[in-house]
């Protein structure tokens, strides 16, 4: 299912589902003033949902283990040495 997104009566973007996420893609003829949200300005690439703050969007190449909240885990060996 696809949903057309309008700004002031002009069709500027499409909202659709990709796997388990919703994605917003601006049309090619959308101007910079046709933004849907201040956090999602008009651009060529689609807007995909991001991971929690301090982590890159859709990155799985990180070797760093993190806690459920997205903060790096403390190394217990270093914590005991202090």
N, C-alpha and C. Protein backbone atom coordinates (compact mmCIF):
# COMPACT_ATOMS: atom_id res chain seq x y z
N UNK A 1 0.84 -1.17 0.00
CA UNK A 1 0.00 0.00 0.00
C UNK A 1 0.89 1.24 0.00
N UNK A 2 0.52 2.22 -0.78
CA UNK A 2 1.25 3.49 -0.87
C UNK A 2 0.31 4.63 -0.55
N UNK A 3 0.85 5.62 0.13
CA UNK A 3 0.07 6.78 0.53
C UNK A 3 0.72 8.02 -0.06
N UNK A 4 -0.04 8.80 -0.83
CA UNK A 4 0.46 10.05 -1.37
C UNK A 4 0.43 11.11 -0.28
N UNK A 5 1.53 11.86 -0.15
CA UNK A 5 1.63 12.91 0.86
C UNK A 5 1.56 14.25 0.14
N UNK A 6 0.68 15.13 0.62
CA UNK A 6 0.48 16.43 -0.02
C UNK A 6 0.84 17.56 0.92
N UNK A 7 1.37 18.64 0.35
CA UNK A 7 1.64 19.88 1.06
C UNK A 7 0.95 20.99 0.28
N UNK A 8 0.02 21.67 0.93
CA UNK A 8 -0.76 22.73 0.29
C UNK A 8 -1.42 22.26 -1.01
N UNK A 9 -1.95 21.04 -1.00
CA UNK A 9 -2.67 20.50 -2.15
C UNK A 9 -1.78 19.95 -3.25
N UNK A 10 -0.46 19.99 -3.08
CA UNK A 10 0.47 19.48 -4.09
C UNK A 10 1.04 18.15 -3.62
N UNK A 11 1.00 17.14 -4.49
CA UNK A 11 1.56 15.84 -4.17
C UNK A 11 3.08 15.93 -4.19
N UNK A 12 3.71 15.78 -3.01
CA UNK A 12 5.17 15.98 -2.92
C UNK A 12 5.95 14.73 -2.53
N UNK A 13 5.28 13.72 -1.97
CA UNK A 13 6.02 12.54 -1.51
C UNK A 13 5.09 11.33 -1.47
N UNK A 14 5.71 10.18 -1.25
CA UNK A 14 4.98 8.93 -1.11
C UNK A 14 5.47 8.23 0.15
N UNK A 15 4.53 7.75 0.94
CA UNK A 15 4.85 6.98 2.14
C UNK A 15 4.49 5.53 1.85
N UNK A 16 5.44 4.63 2.05
CA UNK A 16 5.18 3.22 1.76
C UNK A 16 5.91 2.35 2.75
N UNK A 17 5.54 1.08 2.75
CA UNK A 17 6.14 0.12 3.67
C UNK A 17 7.21 -0.68 2.94
N UNK A 18 8.37 -0.77 3.60
CA UNK A 18 9.48 -1.56 3.07
C UNK A 18 9.92 -2.51 4.17
N UNK A 19 9.72 -3.77 3.99
CA UNK A 19 9.91 -4.79 5.02
C UNK A 19 9.03 -4.46 6.21
N UNK A 20 9.63 -4.16 7.37
CA UNK A 20 8.83 -3.85 8.56
C UNK A 20 8.86 -2.36 8.90
N UNK A 21 9.36 -1.53 8.00
CA UNK A 21 9.49 -0.10 8.26
C UNK A 21 8.68 0.72 7.27
N UNK A 22 8.37 1.95 7.66
CA UNK A 22 7.72 2.89 6.76
C UNK A 22 8.78 3.83 6.21
N UNK A 23 8.71 4.12 4.91
CA UNK A 23 9.71 4.92 4.22
C UNK A 23 9.01 6.08 3.52
N UNK A 24 9.63 7.27 3.59
CA UNK A 24 9.10 8.44 2.90
C UNK A 24 10.05 8.79 1.77
N UNK A 25 9.51 8.89 0.55
CA UNK A 25 10.31 9.23 -0.63
C UNK A 25 9.69 10.45 -1.29
N UNK A 26 10.47 11.54 -1.39
CA UNK A 26 9.98 12.74 -2.06
C UNK A 26 9.95 12.52 -3.57
N UNK A 27 8.98 13.13 -4.24
CA UNK A 27 8.89 13.07 -5.69
C UNK A 27 10.01 13.90 -6.31
N UNK A 28 10.34 13.63 -7.55
CA UNK A 28 11.43 14.34 -8.23
C UNK A 28 11.13 15.82 -8.39
N UNK A 29 9.88 16.19 -8.53
CA UNK A 29 9.53 17.59 -8.77
C UNK A 29 9.27 18.37 -7.47
N UNK A 30 9.58 17.79 -6.31
CA UNK A 30 9.38 18.49 -5.03
C UNK A 30 10.46 19.55 -4.84
N UNK A 31 10.06 20.74 -4.42
CA UNK A 31 10.99 21.84 -4.14
C UNK A 31 11.40 21.81 -2.68
N UNK A 32 12.44 22.56 -2.35
CA UNK A 32 12.92 22.62 -0.97
C UNK A 32 11.84 23.14 -0.02
N UNK A 33 10.93 23.97 -0.53
CA UNK A 33 9.86 24.53 0.30
C UNK A 33 8.72 23.54 0.53
N UNK A 34 8.76 22.39 -0.14
CA UNK A 34 7.69 21.38 -0.03
C UNK A 34 7.98 20.34 1.04
N UNK A 35 8.80 20.66 2.02
CA UNK A 35 9.17 19.68 3.04
C UNK A 35 7.96 19.26 3.86
N UNK A 36 7.96 18.03 4.29
CA UNK A 36 6.89 17.46 5.11
C UNK A 36 7.18 17.70 6.59
N UNK A 37 8.46 17.66 6.95
CA UNK A 37 8.88 17.82 8.34
C UNK A 37 10.22 18.54 8.37
N UNK A 38 10.46 19.32 9.42
CA UNK A 38 11.75 20.00 9.55
C UNK A 38 12.88 19.00 9.71
N UNK A 39 12.58 17.84 10.26
CA UNK A 39 13.61 16.82 10.44
C UNK A 39 13.81 15.95 9.20
N UNK A 40 12.95 16.13 8.19
CA UNK A 40 13.07 15.38 6.94
C UNK A 40 12.96 16.33 5.75
N UNK A 41 14.01 17.13 5.49
CA UNK A 41 13.95 18.06 4.36
C UNK A 41 13.91 17.30 3.03
N UNK A 42 13.57 18.01 1.98
CA UNK A 42 13.48 17.40 0.65
C UNK A 42 14.88 16.97 0.21
N UNK A 43 14.98 15.73 -0.25
CA UNK A 43 16.22 15.19 -0.79
C UNK A 43 15.89 14.05 -1.74
N UNK A 44 16.90 13.61 -2.50
CA UNK A 44 16.67 12.55 -3.49
C UNK A 44 16.52 11.18 -2.84
N UNK A 45 17.31 10.90 -1.79
CA UNK A 45 17.23 9.60 -1.14
C UNK A 45 15.96 9.51 -0.30
N UNK A 46 15.49 8.31 -0.11
CA UNK A 46 14.31 8.08 0.73
C UNK A 46 14.69 8.21 2.19
N UNK A 47 13.74 8.59 3.01
CA UNK A 47 13.94 8.69 4.45
C UNK A 47 13.54 7.36 5.09
N UNK A 48 14.52 6.67 5.68
CA UNK A 48 14.29 5.40 6.38
C UNK A 48 14.38 5.66 7.87
N UNK A 49 13.72 4.87 8.68
CA UNK A 49 13.83 5.05 10.14
C UNK A 49 15.25 4.77 10.60
N UNK A 50 15.67 5.48 11.64
CA UNK A 50 17.03 5.35 12.16
C UNK A 50 17.05 4.55 13.45
N UNK A 51 18.23 4.10 13.77
CA UNK A 51 18.47 3.42 15.04
C UNK A 51 18.47 4.47 16.15
N UNK A 52 18.60 4.07 17.41
CA UNK A 52 18.63 5.04 18.51
C UNK A 52 19.76 6.06 18.33
N UNK A 53 19.69 7.21 19.00
CA UNK A 53 20.72 8.24 18.86
C UNK A 53 22.11 7.69 19.16
N UNK A 54 23.12 8.35 18.61
CA UNK A 54 24.53 8.01 18.76
C UNK A 54 24.94 6.81 17.93
N UNK A 55 24.05 6.32 17.07
CA UNK A 55 24.38 5.20 16.21
C UNK A 55 23.95 5.55 14.80
N UNK A 56 24.65 5.03 13.82
CA UNK A 56 24.35 5.33 12.43
C UNK A 56 23.09 4.60 11.98
N UNK A 57 22.40 5.17 11.01
CA UNK A 57 21.20 4.55 10.45
C UNK A 57 21.57 3.29 9.69
N UNK A 58 20.83 2.26 9.92
CA UNK A 58 20.95 1.02 9.17
C UNK A 58 22.37 0.47 9.09
N UNK A 59 23.21 0.72 10.09
CA UNK A 59 24.58 0.19 10.03
C UNK A 59 24.66 -1.10 10.83
N UNK A 60 25.19 -2.11 10.17
CA UNK A 60 25.37 -3.39 10.84
C UNK A 60 26.83 -3.79 10.85
N UNK A 61 27.69 -2.87 10.42
CA UNK A 61 29.10 -3.19 10.34
C UNK A 61 29.86 -2.79 11.60
N UNK A 62 29.15 -2.37 12.61
CA UNK A 62 29.80 -1.94 13.84
C UNK A 62 30.25 -3.16 14.64
N UNK A 63 31.51 -3.17 15.04
CA UNK A 63 32.02 -4.27 15.85
C UNK A 63 31.79 -4.01 17.33
N UNK A 64 31.36 -2.82 17.66
CA UNK A 64 31.18 -2.42 19.05
C UNK A 64 29.89 -2.99 19.60
N UNK A 65 29.99 -3.70 20.71
CA UNK A 65 28.78 -4.21 21.35
C UNK A 65 28.16 -3.09 22.17
N UNK A 66 26.86 -3.04 22.20
CA UNK A 66 26.21 -1.97 22.95
C UNK A 66 25.09 -2.53 23.80
N UNK A 67 24.69 -1.74 24.77
CA UNK A 67 23.59 -2.12 25.65
C UNK A 67 22.27 -1.87 24.93
N UNK A 68 21.14 -2.33 25.49
CA UNK A 68 19.85 -2.12 24.84
C UNK A 68 19.51 -0.65 24.61
N UNK A 69 20.05 0.26 25.39
CA UNK A 69 19.74 1.68 25.22
C UNK A 69 20.64 2.35 24.20
N UNK A 70 21.59 1.65 23.62
CA UNK A 70 22.45 2.22 22.61
C UNK A 70 23.74 2.80 23.14
N UNK A 71 24.00 2.73 24.46
CA UNK A 71 25.23 3.24 25.01
C UNK A 71 26.26 2.12 25.06
N UNK A 72 27.53 2.44 24.88
CA UNK A 72 28.55 1.38 24.92
C UNK A 72 28.58 0.71 26.29
N UNK A 73 28.81 -0.59 26.28
CA UNK A 73 28.92 -1.32 27.54
C UNK A 73 30.27 -1.05 28.17
N UNK A 74 30.29 -1.04 29.46
CA UNK A 74 31.54 -0.87 30.18
C UNK A 74 32.29 -2.18 30.19
N UNK A 75 33.57 -2.07 30.02
CA UNK A 75 34.41 -3.26 30.13
C UNK A 75 34.59 -3.55 31.61
N UNK A 76 34.10 -4.65 32.09
CA UNK A 76 34.13 -4.95 33.54
C UNK A 76 35.55 -5.07 34.07
N UNK A 77 36.47 -5.54 33.26
CA UNK A 77 37.86 -5.65 33.70
C UNK A 77 38.44 -4.27 34.00
N UNK A 78 38.16 -3.29 33.13
CA UNK A 78 38.66 -1.93 33.34
C UNK A 78 37.97 -1.28 34.53
N UNK A 79 36.72 -1.57 34.75
CA UNK A 79 35.99 -0.97 35.87
C UNK A 79 36.55 -1.47 37.20
N UNK A 80 36.96 -2.72 37.28
CA UNK A 80 37.50 -3.26 38.53
C UNK A 80 38.89 -2.71 38.82
N UNK A 81 39.64 -2.43 37.78
CA UNK A 81 41.01 -1.95 37.95
C UNK A 81 41.05 -0.53 38.51
N UNK A 82 40.00 0.20 38.35
CA UNK A 82 39.96 1.59 38.81
C UNK A 82 39.81 1.63 40.24
